Amino acid sequence: PISFENVELLERAMESCIKLQPFVVDAKVRIDRGKLREKSSSFGYTSLDAEMLFAEVVVRVEGREVKAILRWDEILRYPMMNVVYEAKR
């Protein structure tokens, strides 16, 4: 379950877990507070779902760096990841 009491803790935990992966140099996770509010039950919590997530990941491999963003696509009704930039380091 997720609530306003633990949303920041969950964001940081997800970032920490992503950063454990090889080649990941940075990660940011945001959970949409508006959607959390909409979906929360009368008990003040709900289950995390893909519509609530926004994630940004930077990966560096063999001198190349790629930044990708995961976000919910309303038209496709599916989370999509897109490469934002690629650079040589």
PDB file of N, CA and C in Angstrom:
ATOM      1  N   PRO A   1       0.823  -1.210   0.000  1.00  0.00           N
ATOM      2  CA  PRO A   1       0.000   0.000   0.000  1.00  0.00           C
ATOM      3  C   PRO A   1       0.861   1.266   0.000  1.00  0.00           C
ATOM      4  N   ILE A   2       0.302   2.320  -0.543  1.00  0.00           N
ATOM      5  CA  ILE A   2       0.967   3.618  -0.579  1.00  0.00           C
ATOM      6  C   ILE A   2       0.003   4.684  -0.079  1.00  0.00           C
ATOM      7  N   SER A   3       0.569   5.646   0.671  1.00  0.00           N
ATOM      8  CA  SER A   3      -0.228   6.755   1.195  1.00  0.00           C
ATOM      9  C   SER A   3       0.642   8.006   1.199  1.00  0.00           C
ATOM     10  N   PHE A   4       0.048   9.119   1.590  1.00  0.00           N
ATOM     11  CA  PHE A   4       0.830  10.347   1.691  1.00  0.00           C
ATOM     12  C   PHE A   4       1.890  10.243   2.789  1.00  0.00           C
ATOM     13  N   GLU A   5       1.692   9.331   3.727  1.00  0.00           N
ATOM     14  CA  GLU A   5       2.663   9.146   4.808  1.00  0.00           C
ATOM     15  C   GLU A   5       3.955   8.483   4.334  1.00  0.00           C
ATOM     16  N   ASN A   6       3.867   7.640   3.299  1.00  0.00           N
ATOM     17  CA  ASN A   6       5.068   6.912   2.882  1.00  0.00           C
ATOM     18  C   ASN A   6       5.475   7.159   1.430  1.00  0.00           C
ATOM     19  N   VAL A   7       4.831   8.089   0.740  1.00  0.00           N
ATOM     20  CA  VAL A   7       5.105   8.293  -0.683  1.00  0.00           C
ATOM     21  C   VAL A   7       6.557   8.712  -0.933  1.00  0.00           C
ATOM     22  N   GLU A   8       7.089   9.629  -0.142  1.00  0.00           N
ATOM     23  CA  GLU A   8       8.481  10.059  -0.340  1.00  0.00           C
ATOM     24  C   GLU A   8       9.454   8.928  -0.027  1.00  0.00           C
ATOM     25  N   LEU A   9       9.166   8.171   0.998  1.00  0.00           N
ATOM     26  CA  LEU A   9      10.004   7.024   1.352  1.00  0.00           C
ATOM     27  C   LEU A   9      10.038   6.011   0.205  1.00  0.00           C
ATOM     28  N   LEU A  10       8.886   5.759  -0.403  1.00  0.00           N
ATOM     29  CA  LEU A  10       8.825   4.823  -1.522  1.00  0.00           C
ATOM     30  C   LEU A  10       9.583   5.356  -2.738  1.00  0.00           C
ATOM     31  N   GLU A  11       9.465   6.652  -3.020  1.00  0.00           N
ATOM     32  CA  GLU A  11      10.225   7.249  -4.128  1.00  0.00           C
ATOM     33  C   GLU A  11      11.722   7.050  -3.925  1.00  0.00           C
ATOM     34  N   ARG A  12      12.220   7.366  -2.721  1.00  0.00           N
ATOM     35  CA  ARG A  12      13.655   7.217  -2.443  1.00  0.00           C
ATOM     36  C   ARG A  12      14.080   5.757  -2.505  1.00  0.00           C
ATOM     37  N   ALA A  13      13.246   4.840  -1.998  1.00  0.00           N
ATOM     38  CA  ALA A  13      13.585   3.415  -2.036  1.00  0.00           C
ATOM     39  C   ALA A  13      13.676   2.913  -3.474  1.00  0.00           C
ATOM     40  N   MET A  14      12.754   3.332  -4.322  1.00  0.00           N
ATOM     41  CA  MET A  14      12.788   2.920  -5.727  1.00  0.00           C
ATOM     42  C   MET A  14      14.035   3.470  -6.417  1.00  0.00           C
ATOM     43  N   GLU A  15      14.367   4.734  -6.145  1.00  0.00           N
ATOM     44  CA  GLU A  15      15.591   5.321  -6.710  1.00  0.00           C
ATOM     45  C   GLU A  15      16.817   4.527  -6.279  1.00  0.00           C
ATOM     46  N   SER A  16      16.882   4.211  -5.008  1.00  0.00           N
ATOM     47  CA  SER A  16      18.016   3.470  -4.465  1.00  0.00           C
ATOM     48  C   SER A  16      18.157   2.102  -5.134  1.00  0.00           C
ATOM     49  N   CYS A  17      17.049   1.421  -5.334  1.00  0.00           N
ATOM     50  CA  CYS A  17      17.079   0.104  -5.978  1.00  0.00           C
ATOM     51  C   CYS A  17      17.497   0.199  -7.437  1.00  0.00           C
ATOM     52  N   ILE A  18      17.009   1.208  -8.147  1.00  0.00           N
ATOM     53  CA  ILE A  18      17.394   1.391  -9.552  1.00  0.00           C
ATOM     54  C   ILE A  18      18.891   1.647  -9.649  1.00  0.00           C
ATOM     55  N   LYS A  19      19.426   2.458  -8.733  1.00  0.00           N
ATOM     56  CA  LYS A  19      20.849   2.812  -8.764  1.00  0.00           C
ATOM     57  C   LYS A  19      21.764   1.624  -8.472  1.00  0.00           C
ATOM     58  N   LEU A  20      21.230   0.546  -7.921  1.00  0.00           N
ATOM     59  CA  LEU A  20      22.025  -0.660  -7.684  1.00  0.00           C
ATOM     60  C   LEU A  20      22.363  -1.385  -8.978  1.00  0.00           C
ATOM     61  N   GLN A  21      21.599  -1.148 -10.022  1.00  0.00           N
ATOM     62  CA  GLN A  21      21.804  -1.832 -11.297  1.00  0.00           C
ATOM     63  C   GLN A  21      23.107  -1.379 -11.952  1.00  0.00           C
ATOM     64  N   PRO A  22      23.789  -2.299 -12.626  1.00  0.00           N
ATOM     65  CA  PRO A  22      25.031  -1.926 -13.314  1.00  0.00           C
ATOM     66  C   PRO A  22      24.794  -0.793 -14.314  1.00  0.00           C
ATOM     67  N   PHE A  23      25.757   0.113 -14.386  1.00  0.00           N
ATOM     68  CA  PHE A  23      25.798   1.216 -15.346  1.00  0.00           C
ATOM     69  C   PHE A  23      24.847   2.372 -15.044  1.00  0.00           C
ATOM     70  N   VAL A  24      23.958   2.238 -14.090  1.00  0.00           N
ATOM     71  CA  VAL A  24      23.055   3.342 -13.747  1.00  0.00           C
ATOM     72  C   VAL A  24      23.831   4.359 -12.924  1.00  0.00           C
ATOM     73  N   VAL A  25      23.845   5.615 -13.381  1.00  0.00           N
ATOM     74  CA  VAL A  25      24.561   6.664 -12.659  1.00  0.00           C
ATOM     75  C   VAL A  25      23.613   7.614 -11.932  1.00  0.00           C
ATOM     76  N   ASP A  26      22.344   7.626 -12.320  1.00  0.00           N
ATOM     77  CA  ASP A  26      21.377   8.465 -11.615  1.00  0.00           C
ATOM     78  C   ASP A  26      19.972   7.943 -11.872  1.00  0.00           C
ATOM     79  N   ALA A  27      19.090   8.183 -10.917  1.00  0.00           N
ATOM     80  CA  ALA A  27      17.686   7.796 -11.054  1.00  0.00           C
ATOM     81  C   ALA A  27      16.837   8.727 -10.206  1.00  0.00           C
ATOM     82  N   LYS A  28      15.713   9.111 -10.757  1.00  0.00           N
ATOM     83  CA  LYS A  28      14.741   9.926 -10.026  1.00  0.00           C
ATOM     84  C   LYS A  28      13.371   9.299 -10.235  1.00  0.00           C
ATOM     85  N   VAL A  29      12.612   9.181  -9.164  1.00  0.00           N
ATOM     86  CA  VAL A  29      11.266   8.620  -9.235  1.00  0.00           C
ATOM     87  C   VAL A  29      10.308   9.600  -8.581  1.00  0.00           C
ATOM     88  N   ARG A  30       9.199   9.846  -9.254  1.00  0.00           N
ATOM     89  CA  ARG A  30       8.148  10.694  -8.697  1.00  0.00           C
ATOM     90  C   ARG A  30       6.828   9.940  -8.787  1.00  0.00           C
ATOM     91  N   ILE A  31       6.044  10.053  -7.745  1.00  0.00           N
ATOM     92  CA  ILE A  31       4.707   9.470  -7.713  1.00  0.00           C
ATOM     93  C   ILE A  31       3.725  10.631  -7.718  1.00  0.00           C
ATOM     94  N   ASP A  32       2.807  10.612  -8.663  1.00  0.00           N
ATOM     95  CA  ASP A  32       1.845  11.696  -8.864  1.00  0.00           C
ATOM     96  C   ASP A  32       0.921  11.819  -7.649  1.00  0.00           C
ATOM     97  N   ARG A  33       1.071  12.924  -6.922  1.00  0.00           N
ATOM     98  CA  ARG A  33       0.273  13.129  -5.709  1.00  0.00           C
ATOM     99  C   ARG A  33      -1.213  13.293  -6.024  1.00  0.00           C
ATOM    100  N   GLY A  34      -1.532  13.903  -7.167  1.00  0.00           N
ATOM    101  CA  GLY A  34      -2.936  14.066  -7.557  1.00  0.00           C
ATOM    102  C   GLY A  34      -3.613  12.725  -7.779  1.00  0.00           C
ATOM    103  N   LYS A  35      -2.927  11.836  -8.483  1.00  0.00           N
ATOM    104  CA  LYS A  35      -3.492  10.503  -8.727  1.00  0.00           C
ATOM    105  C   LYS A  35      -3.540   9.692  -7.440  1.00  0.00           C
ATOM    106  N   LEU A  36      -2.562   9.898  -6.577  1.00  0.00           N
ATOM    107  CA  LEU A  36      -2.579   9.232  -5.276  1.00  0.00           C
ATOM    108  C   LEU A  36      -3.812   9.669  -4.486  1.00  0.00           C
ATOM    109  N   ARG A  37      -4.093  10.953  -4.504  1.00  0.00           N
ATOM    110  CA  ARG A  37      -5.268  11.488  -3.803  1.00  0.00           C
ATOM    111  C   ARG A  37      -6.553  10.894  -4.394  1.00  0.00           C
ATOM    112  N   GLU A  38      -6.650  10.883  -5.733  1.00  0.00           N
ATOM    113  CA  GLU A  38      -7.840  10.352  -6.423  1.00  0.00           C
ATOM    114  C   GLU A  38      -8.112   8.903  -6.061  1.00  0.00           C
ATOM    115  N   LYS A  39      -7.064   8.101  -5.999  1.00  0.00           N
ATOM    116  CA  LYS A  39      -7.224   6.658  -5.847  1.00  0.00           C
ATOM    117  C   LYS A  39      -7.225   6.179  -4.393  1.00  0.00           C
ATOM    118  N   SER A  40      -6.897   7.074  -3.459  1.00  0.00           N
ATOM    119  CA  SER A  40      -6.836   6.661  -2.054  1.00  0.00           C
ATOM    120  C   SER A  40      -8.213   6.277  -1.532  1.00  0.00           C
ATOM    121  N   SER A  41      -8.242   5.216  -0.765  1.00  0.00           N
ATOM    122  CA  SER A  41      -9.491   4.740  -0.169  1.00  0.00           C
ATOM    123  C   SER A  41      -9.857   5.597   1.039  1.00  0.00           C
ATOM    124  N   SER A  42     -10.970   5.279   1.631  1.00  0.00           N
ATOM    125  CA  SER A  42     -11.392   5.993   2.844  1.00  0.00           C
ATOM    126  C   SER A  42     -10.422   5.741   4.002  1.00  0.00           C
ATOM    127  N   PHE A  43      -9.563   4.739   3.855  1.00  0.00           N
ATOM    128  CA  PHE A  43      -8.553   4.451   4.869  1.00  0.00           C
ATOM    129  C   PHE A  43      -7.253   5.217   4.622  1.00  0.00           C
ATOM    130  N   GLY A  44      -7.201   5.977   3.510  1.00  0.00           N
ATOM    131  CA  GLY A  44      -6.050   6.836   3.254  1.00  0.00           C
ATOM    132  C   GLY A  44      -4.906   6.207   2.483  1.00  0.00           C
ATOM    133  N   TYR A  45      -5.138   5.058   1.859  1.00  0.00           N
ATOM    134  CA  TYR A  45      -4.075   4.452   1.067  1.00  0.00           C
ATOM    135  C   TYR A  45      -4.654   3.769  -0.163  1.00  0.00           C
ATOM    136  N   THR A  46      -3.765   3.372  -1.068  1.00  0.00           N
ATOM    137  CA  THR A  46      -4.139   2.643  -2.280  1.00  0.00           C
ATOM    138  C   THR A  46      -2.954   1.788  -2.708  1.00  0.00           C
ATOM    139  N   SER A  47      -3.090   1.103  -3.818  1.00  0.00           N
ATOM    140  CA  SER A  47      -1.975   0.347  -4.399  1.00  0.00           C
ATOM    141  C   SER A  47      -1.290   1.212  -5.445  1.00  0.00           C
ATOM    142  N   LEU A  48       0.015   1.122  -5.506  1.00  0.00           N
ATOM    143  CA  LEU A  48       0.766   1.842  -6.524  1.00  0.00           C
ATOM    144  C   LEU A  48       0.445   1.236  -7.881  1.00  0.00           C
ATOM    145  N   ASP A  49       0.175   2.091  -8.872  1.00  0.00           N
ATOM    146  CA  ASP A  49       0.013   1.576 -10.228  1.00  0.00           C
ATOM    147  C   ASP A  49       0.779   2.446 -11.213  1.00  0.00           C
ATOM    148  N   ALA A  50       0.934   1.939 -12.414  1.00  0.00           N
ATOM    149  CA  ALA A  50       1.782   2.579 -13.424  1.00  0.00           C
ATOM    150  C   ALA A  50       1.350   4.001 -13.760  1.00  0.00           C
ATOM    151  N   GLU A  51       0.063   4.302 -13.655  1.00  0.00           N
ATOM    152  CA  GLU A  51      -0.421   5.650 -13.958  1.00  0.00           C
ATOM    153  C   GLU A  51       0.192   6.705 -13.041  1.00  0.00           C
ATOM    154  N   MET A  52       0.625   6.306 -11.876  1.00  0.00           N
ATOM    155  CA  MET A  52       1.149   7.247 -10.883  1.00  0.00           C
ATOM    156  C   MET A  52       2.637   7.531 -11.045  1.00  0.00           C
ATOM    157  N   LEU A  53       3.342   6.719 -11.833  1.00  0.00           N
ATOM    158  CA  LEU A  53       4.805   6.778 -11.858  1.00  0.00           C
ATOM    159  C   LEU A  53       5.394   7.672 -12.939  1.00  0.00           C
ATOM    160  N   PHE A  54       6.454   8.362 -12.553  1.00  0.00           N
ATOM    161  CA  PHE A  54       7.330   9.086 -13.471  1.00  0.00           C
ATOM    162  C   PHE A  54       8.737   8.741 -13.016  1.00  0.00           C
ATOM    163  N   ALA A  55       9.547   8.231 -13.929  1.00  0.00           N
ATOM    164  CA  ALA A  55      10.920   7.868 -13.567  1.00  0.00           C
ATOM    165  C   ALA A  55      11.887   8.363 -14.628  1.00  0.00           C
ATOM    166  N   GLU A  56      13.052   8.764 -14.153  1.00  0.00           N
ATOM    167  CA  GLU A  56      14.115   9.253 -15.027  1.00  0.00           C
ATOM    168  C   GLU A  56      15.369   8.464 -14.669  1.00  0.00           C
ATOM    169  N   VAL A  57      16.040   7.902 -15.676  1.00  0.00           N
ATOM    170  CA  VAL A  57      17.219   7.077 -15.441  1.00  0.00           C
ATOM    171  C   VAL A  57      18.343   7.529 -16.365  1.00  0.00           C
ATOM    172  N   VAL A  58      19.551   7.643 -15.813  1.00  0.00           N
ATOM    173  CA  VAL A  58      20.736   7.946 -16.611  1.00  0.00           C
ATOM    174  C   VAL A  58      21.664   6.740 -16.516  1.00  0.00           C
ATOM    175  N   VAL A  59      22.065   6.236 -17.688  1.00  0.00           N
ATOM    176  CA  VAL A  59      22.917   5.054 -17.777  1.00  0.00           C
ATOM    177  C   VAL A  59      24.173   5.426 -18.556  1.00  0.00           C
ATOM    178  N   ARG A  60      25.332   4.971 -18.080  1.00  0.00           N
ATOM    179  CA  ARG A  60      26.599   5.230 -18.771  1.00  0.00           C
ATOM    180  C   ARG A  60      27.296   3.891 -19.050  1.00  0.00           C
ATOM    181  N   VAL A  61      27.601   3.659 -20.333  1.00  0.00           N
ATOM    182  CA  VAL A  61      28.274   2.426 -20.755  1.00  0.00           C
ATOM    183  C   VAL A  61      29.305   2.777 -21.816  1.00  0.00           C
ATOM    184  N   GLU A  62      30.543   2.347 -21.600  1.00  0.00           N
ATOM    185  CA  GLU A  62      31.615   2.514 -22.580  1.00  0.00           C
ATOM    186  C   GLU A  62      31.667   3.921 -23.182  1.00  0.00           C
ATOM    187  N   GLY A  63      31.639   4.917 -22.319  1.00  0.00           N
ATOM    188  CA  GLY A  63      31.788   6.295 -22.774  1.00  0.00           C
ATOM    189  C   GLY A  63      30.535   6.937 -23.340  1.00  0.00           C
ATOM    190  N   ARG A  64      29.436   6.243 -23.339  1.00  0.00           N
ATOM    191  CA  ARG A  64      28.173   6.819 -23.807  1.00  0.00           C
ATOM    192  C   ARG A  64      27.213   6.929 -22.633  1.00  0.00           C
ATOM    193  N   GLU A  65      26.477   8.033 -22.643  1.00  0.00           N
ATOM    194  CA  GLU A  65      25.498   8.263 -21.586  1.00  0.00           C
ATOM    195  C   GLU A  65      24.126   8.454 -22.220  1.00  0.00           C
ATOM    196  N   VAL A  66      23.137   7.791 -21.652  1.00  0.00           N
ATOM    197  CA  VAL A  66      21.767   7.873 -22.147  1.00  0.00           C
ATOM    198  C   VAL A  66      20.851   8.214 -20.984  1.00  0.00           C
ATOM    199  N   LYS A  67      19.937   9.142 -21.246  1.00  0.00           N
ATOM    200  CA  LYS A  67      18.913   9.487 -20.264  1.00  0.00           C
ATOM    201  C   LYS A  67      17.569   9.063 -20.837  1.00  0.00           C
ATOM    202  N   ALA A  68      16.793   8.334 -20.035  1.00  0.00           N
ATOM    203  CA  ALA A  68      15.480   7.869 -20.466  1.00  0.00           C
ATOM    204  C   ALA A  68      14.438   8.241 -19.415  1.00  0.00           C
ATOM    205  N   ILE A  69      13.221   8.456 -19.889  1.00  0.00           N
ATOM    206  CA  ILE A  69      12.115   8.819 -19.005  1.00  0.00           C
ATOM    207  C   ILE A  69      10.978   7.824 -19.192  1.00  0.00           C
ATOM    208  N   LEU A  70      10.449   7.350 -18.070  1.00  0.00           N
ATOM    209  CA  LEU A  70       9.271   6.484 -18.060  1.00  0.00           C
ATOM    210  C   LEU A  70       8.104   7.319 -17.568  1.00  0.00           C
ATOM    211  N   ARG A  71       7.033   7.348 -18.352  1.00  0.00           N
ATOM    212  CA  ARG A  71       5.830   8.071 -17.919  1.00  0.00           C
ATOM    213  C   ARG A  71       4.605   7.414 -18.534  1.00  0.00           C
ATOM    214  N   TRP A  72       3.483   7.670 -17.924  1.00  0.00           N
ATOM    215  CA  TRP A  72       2.211   7.122 -18.371  1.00  0.00           C
ATOM    216  C   TRP A  72       1.760   7.832 -19.640  1.00  0.00           C
ATOM    217  N   ASP A  73       1.360   7.058 -20.645  1.00  0.00           N
ATOM    218  CA  ASP A  73       0.825   7.605 -21.888  1.00  0.00           C
ATOM    219  C   ASP A  73      -0.694   7.446 -21.857  1.00  0.00           C
ATOM    220  N   GLU A  74      -1.398   8.559 -21.762  1.00  0.00           N
ATOM    221  CA  GLU A  74      -2.863   8.528 -21.666  1.00  0.00           C
ATOM    222  C   GLU A  74      -3.511   7.941 -22.914  1.00  0.00           C
ATOM    223  N   ILE A  75      -2.949   8.209 -24.084  1.00  0.00           N
ATOM    224  CA  ILE A  75      -3.540   7.698 -25.326  1.00  0.00           C
ATOM    225  C   ILE A  75      -3.413   6.180 -25.402  1.00  0.00           C
ATOM    226  N   LEU A  76      -2.225   5.668 -25.123  1.00  0.00           N
ATOM    227  CA  LEU A  76      -1.993   4.222 -25.173  1.00  0.00           C
ATOM    228  C   LEU A  76      -2.461   3.502 -23.912  1.00  0.00           C
ATOM    229  N   ARG A  77      -2.673   4.282 -22.834  1.00  0.00           N
ATOM    230  CA  ARG A  77      -3.047   3.722 -21.530  1.00  0.00           C
ATOM    231  C   ARG A  77      -2.005   2.692 -21.077  1.00  0.00           C
ATOM    232  N   TYR A  78      -0.727   3.115 -21.204  1.00  0.00           N
ATOM    233  CA  TYR A  78       0.392   2.222 -20.913  1.00  0.00           C
ATOM    234  C   TYR A  78       1.609   3.065 -20.550  1.00  0.00           C
ATOM    235  N   PRO A  79       2.469   2.589 -19.643  1.00  0.00           N
ATOM    236  CA  PRO A  79       3.693   3.338 -19.342  1.00  0.00           C
ATOM    237  C   PRO A  79       4.706   3.177 -20.480  1.00  0.00           C
ATOM    238  N   MET A  80       5.241   4.276 -20.955  1.00  0.00           N
ATOM    239  CA  MET A  80       6.193   4.256 -22.067  1.00  0.00           C
ATOM    240  C   MET A  80       7.524   4.844 -21.617  1.00  0.00           C
ATOM    241  N   MET A  81       8.614   4.228 -22.073  1.00  0.00           N
ATOM    242  CA  MET A  81       9.941   4.766 -21.790  1.00  0.00           C
ATOM    243  C   MET A  81      10.520   5.312 -23.087  1.00  0.00           C
ATOM    244  N   ASN A  82      11.037   6.533 -23.017  1.00  0.00           N
ATOM    245  CA  ASN A  82      11.637   7.187 -24.173  1.00  0.00           C
ATOM    246  C   ASN A  82      13.034   7.665 -23.832  1.00  0.00           C
ATOM    247  N   VAL A  83      13.940   7.540 -24.799  1.00  0.00           N
ATOM    248  CA  VAL A  83      15.282   8.087 -24.641  1.00  0.00           C
ATOM    249  C   VAL A  83      15.195   9.585 -24.881  1.00  0.00           C
ATOM    250  N   VAL A  84      15.699  10.367 -23.927  1.00  0.00           N
ATOM    251  CA  VAL A  84      15.648  11.822 -24.005  1.00  0.00           C
ATOM    252  C   VAL A  84      16.904  12.357 -24.673  1.00  0.00           C
ATOM    253  N   TYR A  85      18.058  11.795 -24.314  1.00  0.00           N
ATOM    254  CA  TYR A  85      19.297  12.208 -24.979  1.00  0.00           C
ATOM    255  C   TYR A  85      20.334  11.101 -24.908  1.00  0.00           C
ATOM    256  N   GLU A  86      21.290  11.203 -25.817  1.00  0.00           N
ATOM    257  CA  GLU A  86      22.442  10.316 -25.818  1.00  0.00           C
ATOM    258  C   GLU A  86      23.661  11.193 -26.045  1.00  0.00           C
ATOM    259  N   ALA A  87      24.708  10.952 -25.285  1.00  0.00           N
ATOM    260  CA  ALA A  87      25.921  11.765 -25.416  1.00  0.00           C
ATOM    261  C   ALA A  87      27.156  10.899 -25.208  1.00  0.00           C
ATOM    262  N   LYS A  88      28.248  11.278 -25.868  1.00  0.00           N
ATOM    263  CA  LYS A  88      29.539  10.635 -25.624  1.00  0.00           C
ATOM    264  C   LYS A  88      30.175  11.324 -24.439  1.00  0.00           C
ATOM    265  N   ARG A  89      30.867  10.563 -23.625  1.00  0.00           N
ATOM    266  CA  ARG A  89      31.559  11.124 -22.458  1.00  0.00           C
ATOM    267  C   ARG A  89      33.029  10.927 -22.611  1.00  0.00           C
TER     268      ARG A  89
END
